[in-house]
Protein backbone atom coordinates (compact mmCIF):
# COMPACT_ATOMS: atom_id res chain seq x y z
CA MET A 1 -4.68 -2.26 -4.39
CA THR A 2 -2.77 1.01 -4.33
CA ASN A 3 -3.43 3.97 -6.60
CA TYR A 4 -0.93 6.80 -6.28
CA GLN A 5 -0.65 10.11 -8.08
CA ALA A 6 1.20 13.16 -6.83
CA ASN A 7 3.96 15.47 -8.05
CA GLN A 8 3.56 14.22 -11.63
CA GLN A 9 4.10 10.63 -10.46
CA GLY A 10 1.57 7.87 -10.85
CA TRP A 11 1.46 4.12 -10.31
CA GLY A 12 -0.68 1.28 -9.10
CA GLY A 13 0.23 -1.67 -6.94
CA TYR A 14 -1.21 -4.97 -5.81
CA THR A 15 -0.33 -6.78 -2.56
CA GLU A 16 -1.61 -10.10 -1.24
CA ILE A 17 -0.97 -10.81 2.44
CA ARG A 18 -2.25 -12.97 5.26
CA LEU A 19 -3.16 -11.12 8.42
CA GLY A 20 -2.72 -12.58 11.87
CA ARG A 21 -3.60 -11.33 15.33
CA SER A 22 -0.73 -9.89 17.38
CA ALA A 23 -0.42 -9.99 21.18
CA ASN A 24 -2.04 -6.53 21.42
CA GLY A 25 -5.04 -7.62 19.29
CA HIS A 26 -3.96 -5.81 16.11
CA LEU A 27 -4.18 -7.48 12.72
CA VAL A 28 -0.66 -7.56 11.29
CA GLY A 29 0.86 -8.99 8.15
CA SER A 30 3.43 -8.46 5.47
CA GLY A 31 3.89 -9.38 1.85
CA SER A 32 5.31 -8.22 -1.44
CA ARG A 33 3.68 -5.50 -3.50
CA LEU A 34 3.82 -5.66 -7.27
CA ILE A 35 3.93 -2.18 -8.76
CA SER A 36 2.99 -0.96 -12.21
CA THR A 37 5.36 1.39 -14.02
CA ARG A 38 6.27 4.15 -11.66
CA THR A 39 8.32 7.27 -12.03
CA ILE A 40 11.31 7.99 -9.87
CA PRO A 41 12.71 11.55 -9.76
CA LEU A 42 16.38 11.32 -10.70
CA GLY A 43 17.43 14.94 -10.55
CA ASN A 44 16.86 18.45 -11.79
CA LEU A 45 16.39 19.08 -15.49
CA SER A 46 18.29 21.93 -17.10
CA GLY A 47 15.02 23.78 -17.82
CA GLY A 48 13.75 23.31 -14.25
CA GLY A 49 11.67 20.62 -12.61
CA PHE A 50 12.54 16.97 -12.18
CA ASP A 51 13.21 14.12 -14.59
CA THR A 52 10.28 11.83 -13.78
CA ARG A 53 10.26 9.46 -16.75
CA PRO A 54 9.21 5.90 -15.91
CA ARG A 55 12.18 4.01 -14.48
CA GLN A 56 10.77 0.86 -12.86
CA PRO A 57 8.58 -1.34 -15.04
CA PHE A 58 6.12 -3.84 -13.58
CA SER A 59 8.13 -6.93 -12.70
CA ILE A 60 7.20 -10.02 -10.69
CA GLN A 61 10.93 -10.39 -10.06
CA GLU A 62 11.17 -7.01 -8.28
CA PRO A 63 8.35 -6.68 -5.71
CA ASP A 64 8.47 -4.13 -2.91
CA PRO A 65 8.07 -5.36 0.67
CA MET A 66 4.97 -4.11 2.50
CA SER A 67 3.73 -4.47 6.07
CA TYR A 68 0.42 -3.61 7.66
CA ASP A 69 -0.76 -3.04 11.21
CA ILE A 70 -4.53 -2.64 11.60
CA ASP A 71 -5.92 -1.58 14.97
CA PRO A 72 -9.50 -2.93 15.03
CA GLN A 73 -10.38 -0.83 18.09
CA SER A 74 -9.56 2.52 16.49
CA GLY A 75 -10.14 1.50 12.85
CA LYS A 76 -6.72 2.85 11.88
CA ILE A 77 -3.94 1.33 9.77
CA THR A 78 -0.19 1.89 9.71
CA PHE A 79 1.97 0.99 6.70
CA GLN A 80 5.61 -0.10 6.95
CA GLY A 81 5.62 0.62 10.69
CA GLN A 82 5.95 4.36 10.06
CA TYR A 83 3.26 5.69 7.71
CA GLY A 84 0.05 6.48 9.53
CA PRO A 85 -1.99 5.73 11.41
CA TYR A 86 -4.67 6.47 8.82
CA ASP A 87 -8.42 6.19 9.20
CA MET A 88 -10.09 3.29 7.41
CA THR A 89 -13.55 3.49 5.89
CA CYS A 90 -15.21 0.08 5.70
CA LEU A 91 -17.97 -0.89 3.30
CA GLY A 92 -19.74 -4.04 4.37
CA ASN A 93 -17.47 -6.78 5.65
CA LYS A 94 -15.15 -7.06 2.65
CA PHE A 95 -13.85 -3.64 1.60
CA ALA A 96 -11.81 -0.98 3.35
CA ILE A 97 -10.60 2.27 1.87
CA VAL A 98 -7.70 4.35 3.17
CA ASN A 99 -6.98 7.85 1.85
CA THR A 100 -3.37 8.77 2.75
CA TRP A 101 -3.71 12.08 0.86
CA ASP A 102 -1.20 10.96 -1.77
CA SER A 103 -2.62 7.51 -2.41
CA LEU A 104 -5.88 5.63 -2.22
CA GLU A 105 -5.56 2.14 -0.76
CA THR A 106 -8.42 -0.32 -1.17
CA PHE A 107 -8.58 -3.68 0.59
CA THR A 108 -10.68 -6.78 0.06
CA PHE A 109 -10.77 -9.29 2.91
CA PHE A 110 -11.31 -13.01 2.53
CA LYS A 111 -11.55 -15.52 5.35
CA THR A 112 -9.23 -18.49 4.88
CA ARG A 113 -10.26 -22.04 5.54
CA GLY A 114 -7.65 -22.43 8.26
CA PRO A 115 -4.14 -23.86 8.40
CA ARG A 116 -3.04 -26.01 5.51
């Protein structure tokens, strides 16, 4: 789950992915993130500031791609191969929280039953 609010923009997103172990021992995965209504700055307004009215409604037909790289040794995560690495705070064995300073990412982990 993603909760973002900065520069008069705000939205929430939900991503479901399967993580696998890479050759270097990291947990990596990718998926599609569904996003609630978000604002996209389109340009300067005549009175100053930016036009940030909602432009992208929540749509299952228009997910955003997301990728994750979790380094279990350092406890850090990188998003989209370029954002991070950020520290992760884990609570028990199911929840992780990442504060990127413009968003708060929360994760819930579930163990799968194996290959189907």
